[in-house]
Amino acid sequence: MNIDEIKIVNGENAFQNASFENNDKTIDYETSKNLSYTDIISLLKGLDVISEFYDVKAAVSTSGAGICAVSIGKTLEEAIVNVVDSNPIDFMSSTIVVSSEVDSEVAKLLKDTNRIAAPKFTQNAIEYLEAHDVCYITIKTPLKDYKKYLSNDVKITPLGTLTQTPNLSELTKDSFNIVSKTKPTVEQIEDAVFAWKVAKHASSQAIVIAKDLKTTAIAQGLQSASVEFAVDYSCEMSKDAILASDMGITKHDIDVAAQGRIGLVILPFASRDLIAATDKYNMAVITTGFTNILY
C-alpha cells in the first residue's frame, strides 16, 4: 500500500475521527495496513529514537507517545531480544522500529507485535509477517536523513497557536563534563551517551537506566519520584548501570540511586552539594549543560 492511498479514519478514541495527509516534509514509506492516529504517534516516536542510532544495529519499542525499551546489539536479533527482556509486557502490543533490514529470522521474533518498521524487509520476512497478520512498514527514506524532515511542533489551542522548533540537541565535547572525583570507564561513557539519547525523546520527567547499551528502566511523564520508580523497576539490573535524567535531581535521588548501586549519573547540571553526595558513594557524574524536557 502506497502512502498516497492512506487516509486515516480512526482517531485516538472510538468517538474521534482523524485525518492524515502528505506535506513537503513527508518521508518516503509504505505500509501493509492502514495506520490509526495512535499507530502514527507510536511510529513517529520510534523513528525519533532510532534516528539517533541509524548506523548501528538498534531496536526500539514504543506505545503511544511512550518509549518502552531501547537496545543496541551486535546483531539486530540481539537488539530485539534485549528489548523484549527489558520490557516484555509492553513488547506484546507495541510498535517496533529497527535500524536495519528485517529477514525471516528477525521476523520470527516479531510475530507477536502489532507493527514493525524497518528500512527494508526480505521477501521471506514479508511472507512470514503477512501469514501472522503483522503490519510492516518500510521506511524508504534513509534513517540518517530523518532529522532533516522534522518540522516545527505546532499546537492549535484555545489560547492561540503554539509553535516550537524541533529538538536537534547533540552532546559535544564542550558541553560534556565529568565533574565527580570518580572517573567513568569507557564503557560507562558509551552507556551514558546511549541513555542520554533515549532520555532526550522520553516524556518529561524522564529517568532512563541503562547498561550494556540496553535500557533496563524508563520512567517518563511522572510528576515525582521518577528516580525511585526507575530504580525499583530496574531492580538488580541497576547495579553499575547508568542513570540519565532530563532535569535536575536531588540528594535524595542520589541516595536512591546509590541504594540501586548506580555507577554513573548523567544530567544537565549538578550543584556542589549534589556532587559531594555522589563522591560519597564513589559515583561518577557527567553534566551536559542543557535540559531536554519533552512534554
Protein backbone atom coordinates (compact mmCIF):
# COMPACT_ATOMS: atom_id res chain seq x y z
CA MET A 1 0.00 0.00 0.00
CA ASN A 2 1.46 3.37 -1.01
CA ILE A 3 1.41 6.36 1.32
CA ASP A 4 -0.67 8.34 -1.18
CA GLU A 5 -3.53 5.88 -0.68
CA ILE A 6 -3.64 6.22 3.11
CA LYS A 7 -6.50 8.13 4.73
CA ILE A 8 -6.71 7.88 8.48
CA VAL A 9 -10.27 7.48 9.76
CA ASN A 10 -9.72 6.05 13.27
CA GLY A 11 -8.92 8.57 15.96
CA GLU A 12 -7.26 8.03 19.33
CA ASN A 13 -10.66 7.04 20.78
CA ALA A 14 -13.64 5.39 19.10
CA PHE A 15 -15.64 8.63 19.20
CA GLN A 16 -12.88 10.67 17.50
CA ASN A 17 -12.02 10.98 13.82
CA ALA A 18 -8.58 11.81 12.46
CA SER A 19 -7.11 12.69 9.08
CA PHE A 20 -3.62 12.43 7.68
CA GLU A 21 -2.11 13.99 4.59
CA ASN A 22 1.27 14.47 2.96
CA ASN A 23 3.26 17.67 3.13
CA ASP A 24 6.58 18.90 1.80
CA LYS A 25 8.41 17.11 4.62
CA THR A 26 6.79 13.69 4.28
CA ILE A 27 9.33 10.86 4.28
CA ASP A 28 9.08 8.06 1.73
CA TYR A 29 7.50 4.96 3.25
CA GLU A 30 4.99 2.19 2.57
CA THR A 31 2.76 0.31 4.97
CA SER A 32 0.99 -3.03 4.61
CA LYS A 33 -2.06 -1.82 6.56
CA ASN A 34 -3.83 1.42 7.28
CA LEU A 35 -2.43 3.20 10.34
CA SER A 36 -4.58 4.83 13.00
CA TYR A 37 -3.84 8.07 14.83
CA THR A 38 -2.21 6.16 17.71
CA ASP A 39 -0.23 3.99 15.27
CA ILE A 40 1.24 7.11 13.68
CA ILE A 41 2.16 8.60 17.06
CA SER A 42 3.92 5.35 18.09
CA LEU A 43 5.73 5.11 14.76
CA LEU A 44 6.94 8.70 14.93
CA LYS A 45 8.26 8.22 18.47
CA GLY A 46 10.11 5.10 17.36
CA LEU A 47 11.60 6.90 14.36
CA ASP A 48 12.70 9.81 16.56
CA VAL A 49 14.66 7.38 18.75
CA ILE A 50 16.01 5.07 16.05
CA SER A 51 17.33 8.06 14.07
CA GLU A 52 19.83 8.52 16.92
CA PHE A 53 21.21 5.02 16.23
CA TYR A 54 20.85 4.69 12.45
CA ASP A 55 24.45 3.48 11.97
CA VAL A 56 24.28 0.51 14.39
CA LYS A 57 22.01 -2.49 14.96
CA ALA A 58 19.29 -0.98 17.14
CA ALA A 59 15.68 -1.60 18.12
CA VAL A 60 13.09 0.44 19.99
CA SER A 61 9.60 -0.47 21.19
CA THR A 62 7.01 2.26 21.66
CA SER A 63 3.42 2.52 22.81
CA GLY A 64 1.55 5.72 22.05
CA ALA A 65 3.96 8.57 22.72
CA GLY A 66 5.90 6.49 25.25
CA ILE A 67 9.21 4.67 24.83
CA CYS A 68 9.05 1.13 26.21
CA ALA A 69 12.61 -0.12 25.65
CA VAL A 70 15.70 0.55 23.50
CA SER A 71 18.77 -1.54 22.77
CA ILE A 72 21.84 -1.70 20.57
CA GLY A 73 23.21 -5.15 19.74
CA LYS A 74 25.97 -6.78 17.76
CA THR A 75 23.16 -8.12 15.60
CA LEU A 76 19.58 -6.98 15.08
CA GLU A 77 18.38 -10.22 16.69
CA GLU A 78 20.38 -9.40 19.83
CA ALA A 79 18.96 -5.87 19.97
CA ILE A 80 15.39 -7.16 19.70
CA VAL A 81 15.93 -9.87 22.32
CA ASN A 82 17.28 -7.19 24.67
CA VAL A 83 14.22 -5.01 24.06
CA VAL A 84 11.97 -7.94 24.91
CA ASP A 85 13.99 -8.69 28.05
CA SER A 86 13.85 -5.03 29.13
CA ASN A 87 10.07 -4.71 28.86
CA PRO A 88 8.37 -7.99 27.87
CA ILE A 89 4.83 -6.95 28.80
CA ASP A 90 4.62 -3.83 26.65
CA PHE A 91 6.51 -5.54 23.80
CA MET A 92 3.47 -7.68 23.01
CA SER A 93 1.33 -4.72 21.95
CA SER A 94 3.98 -2.22 20.89
CA THR A 95 5.30 -0.74 17.69
CA ILE A 96 8.83 -1.94 16.93
CA VAL A 97 11.20 0.22 14.90
CA VAL A 98 14.61 -1.14 13.89
CA SER A 99 17.62 0.37 12.14
CA SER A 100 18.40 -2.33 9.56
CA GLU A 101 16.89 -4.95 7.27
CA VAL A 102 14.45 -7.49 8.69
CA ASP A 103 14.93 -11.06 7.46
CA SER A 104 12.83 -14.14 8.21
CA GLU A 105 14.75 -14.93 11.43
CA VAL A 106 14.15 -11.43 12.79
CA ALA A 107 10.52 -11.59 11.65
CA LYS A 108 10.00 -14.68 13.79
CA LEU A 109 10.96 -12.65 16.85
CA LEU A 110 8.32 -10.06 15.96
CA LYS A 111 5.27 -12.18 15.18
CA ASP A 112 3.55 -11.21 18.45
CA THR A 113 3.83 -7.45 17.90
CA ASN A 114 1.31 -5.19 16.19
CA ARG A 115 3.59 -3.20 13.90
CA ILE A 116 7.21 -3.38 12.76
CA ALA A 117 9.03 -0.61 10.88
CA ALA A 118 12.38 -1.07 9.17
CA PRO A 119 14.39 0.31 6.25
CA LYS A 120 13.91 -2.97 4.34
CA PHE A 121 12.25 -6.38 4.58
CA THR A 122 13.32 -9.51 2.75
CA GLN A 123 10.63 -11.31 0.75
CA ASN A 124 10.71 -14.23 3.21
CA ALA A 125 10.19 -11.81 6.10
CA ILE A 126 7.22 -10.21 4.32
CA GLU A 127 5.61 -13.57 3.69
CA TYR A 128 6.09 -14.58 7.33
CA LEU A 129 4.69 -11.32 8.73
CA GLU A 130 1.70 -11.41 6.40
CA ALA A 131 0.98 -15.01 7.43
CA HIS A 132 0.88 -13.83 11.06
CA ASP A 133 -1.14 -10.70 10.25
CA VAL A 134 1.59 -8.31 11.42
CA CYS A 135 1.66 -4.81 9.93
CA TYR A 136 5.04 -3.98 8.42
CA ILE A 137 6.17 -0.50 7.43
CA THR A 138 9.08 0.09 5.06
CA ILE A 139 10.94 3.34 5.74
CA LYS A 140 12.47 4.13 2.36
CA THR A 141 14.00 7.46 3.32
CA PRO A 142 17.48 6.79 4.82
CA LEU A 143 17.33 6.97 8.63
CA LYS A 144 20.45 9.15 8.65
CA ASP A 145 18.39 11.81 6.84
CA TYR A 146 15.32 11.52 9.08
CA LYS A 147 16.08 14.60 11.17
CA LYS A 148 16.12 16.73 8.00
CA TYR A 149 12.38 16.05 7.71
CA LEU A 150 11.50 17.25 11.19
CA SER A 151 9.24 20.31 11.25
CA ASN A 152 8.20 22.75 13.93
CA ASP A 153 5.86 21.32 16.54
CA VAL A 154 2.55 23.16 16.21
CA LYS A 155 -0.32 23.05 18.71
CA ILE A 156 -3.50 24.94 17.93
CA THR A 157 -5.07 25.77 21.29
CA PRO A 158 -7.87 27.96 22.66
CA LEU A 159 -5.10 30.29 23.85
CA GLY A 160 -3.59 30.56 20.40
CA THR A 161 -1.20 28.68 18.12
CA LEU A 162 1.91 27.43 19.91
CA THR A 163 4.97 26.69 17.76
CA GLN A 164 8.37 25.25 18.68
CA THR A 165 11.40 24.22 16.63
CA PRO A 166 12.36 20.51 16.70
CA ASN A 167 14.81 19.21 19.31
CA LEU A 168 18.10 18.76 17.45
CA SER A 169 20.32 18.86 20.53
CA GLU A 170 23.56 16.89 20.46
CA LEU A 171 26.23 16.20 23.07
CA THR A 172 29.54 17.91 22.30
CA LYS A 173 32.95 17.91 23.96
CA ASP A 174 32.25 21.45 25.16
CA SER A 175 29.01 20.55 26.96
CA PHE A 176 30.07 17.08 28.16
CA ASN A 177 31.83 17.41 31.53
CA ILE A 178 32.96 14.85 34.11
CA VAL A 179 32.53 16.66 37.43
CA SER A 180 32.98 13.88 40.02
CA LYS A 181 36.08 12.50 41.73
CA THR A 182 35.24 9.06 40.39
CA LYS A 183 36.02 8.89 36.70
CA PRO A 184 33.84 6.77 34.39
CA THR A 185 35.15 3.91 32.28
CA VAL A 186 34.95 3.97 28.50
CA GLU A 187 32.04 1.51 28.68
CA GLN A 188 30.19 3.73 31.15
CA ILE A 189 30.62 6.75 28.89
CA GLU A 190 29.20 4.78 25.94
CA ASP A 191 26.22 3.77 28.07
CA ALA A 192 25.82 7.36 29.29
CA VAL A 193 25.61 8.74 25.75
CA PHE A 194 23.16 5.96 24.84
CA ALA A 195 20.95 6.65 27.87
CA TRP A 196 21.07 10.40 27.24
CA LYS A 197 19.85 9.93 23.65
CA VAL A 198 16.92 7.83 24.88
CA ALA A 199 16.04 10.32 27.63
CA LYS A 200 16.11 13.11 25.03
CA HIS A 201 12.99 11.63 23.41
CA ALA A 202 11.19 10.41 26.55
CA SER A 203 8.35 12.45 28.01
CA SER A 204 9.29 14.65 30.94
CA GLN A 205 10.19 13.98 33.79
CA ALA A 206 12.39 11.35 32.19
CA ILE A 207 14.72 8.98 34.01
CA VAL A 208 16.47 6.30 31.96
CA ILE A 209 18.55 3.50 33.45
CA ALA A 210 20.77 1.62 31.03
CA LYS A 211 23.62 -0.86 30.98
CA ASP A 212 25.49 -2.54 28.15
CA LEU A 213 23.65 -0.36 25.59
CA LYS A 214 20.25 -1.60 26.75
CA THR A 215 17.59 0.21 28.77
CA THR A 216 16.59 -1.53 31.96
CA ALA A 217 14.02 1.08 33.04
CA ILE A 218 12.40 4.17 31.55
CA ALA A 219 10.36 6.46 33.79
CA GLN A 220 8.58 9.22 31.89
CA GLY A 221 5.70 11.59 32.38
CA LEU A 222 5.67 11.15 36.16
CA GLN A 223 5.22 14.20 38.34
CA SER A 224 7.51 12.95 41.10
CA ALA A 225 9.55 10.01 42.35
CA SER A 226 10.84 9.21 38.86
CA VAL A 227 14.20 8.00 40.17
CA GLU A 228 12.58 5.68 42.72
CA PHE A 229 10.26 4.25 40.08
CA ALA A 230 13.11 3.62 37.62
CA VAL A 231 15.43 2.06 40.22
CA ASP A 232 12.65 -0.18 41.54
CA TYR A 233 11.71 -1.29 38.02
CA SER A 234 15.32 -1.92 37.05
CA CYS A 235 15.78 -3.98 40.23
CA GLU A 236 19.09 -5.89 40.31
CA MET A 237 19.90 -4.69 36.77
CA SER A 238 20.64 -1.23 38.18
CA LYS A 239 23.97 -2.43 39.62
CA ASP A 240 26.80 -0.46 37.95
CA ALA A 241 24.26 0.93 35.46
CA ILE A 242 23.84 4.47 34.12
CA LEU A 243 21.09 6.81 35.25
CA ALA A 244 20.22 9.59 32.78
CA SER A 245 17.95 12.47 33.74
CA ASP A 246 16.49 15.25 31.59
CA MET A 247 16.26 17.53 34.62
CA GLY A 248 17.98 18.34 37.91
CA ILE A 249 17.72 15.76 40.66
CA THR A 250 18.04 15.94 44.46
CA LYS A 251 20.39 14.47 47.05
CA HIS A 252 17.56 12.13 48.00
CA ASP A 253 17.55 10.90 44.39
CA ILE A 254 21.28 10.23 44.68
CA ASP A 255 20.65 8.23 47.87
CA VAL A 256 18.04 6.18 45.99
CA ALA A 257 20.44 5.69 43.07
CA ALA A 258 23.15 4.57 45.48
CA GLN A 259 20.77 2.01 47.01
CA GLY A 260 20.33 0.66 43.49
CA ARG A 261 24.14 0.67 43.12
CA ILE A 262 24.03 3.01 40.11
CA GLY A 263 27.55 3.61 38.80
CA LEU A 264 27.13 6.88 36.91
CA VAL A 265 24.64 9.71 36.62
CA ILE A 266 24.34 11.95 33.56
CA LEU A 267 22.19 15.05 33.95
CA PRO A 268 22.01 18.70 32.83
CA PHE A 269 23.60 20.33 35.87
CA ALA A 270 24.94 19.35 39.29
CA SER A 271 25.41 21.56 42.35
CA ARG A 272 28.41 21.24 44.64
CA ASP A 273 26.24 19.55 47.25
CA LEU A 274 24.98 17.04 44.71
CA ILE A 275 28.49 16.27 43.51
CA ALA A 276 29.62 15.83 47.12
CA ALA A 277 26.79 13.35 47.64
CA THR A 278 27.85 11.32 44.61
CA ASP A 279 31.50 11.40 45.68
CA LYS A 280 30.44 9.86 48.99
CA TYR A 281 29.14 6.86 47.04
CA ASN A 282 32.05 6.77 44.55
CA MET A 283 29.51 7.51 41.81
CA ALA A 284 30.65 9.16 38.58
CA VAL A 285 28.78 12.25 37.35
CA ILE A 286 28.59 13.76 33.86
CA THR A 287 26.87 17.07 33.17
CA THR A 288 25.60 18.03 29.71
CA GLY A 289 24.97 21.74 30.21
CA PHE A 290 21.36 21.74 28.98
CA THR A 291 17.99 20.15 29.63
CA ASN A 292 15.96 18.05 27.22
CA ILE A 293 12.49 18.35 28.70
CA LEU A 294 9.73 17.00 26.47
CA TYR A 295 6.11 17.42 27.50
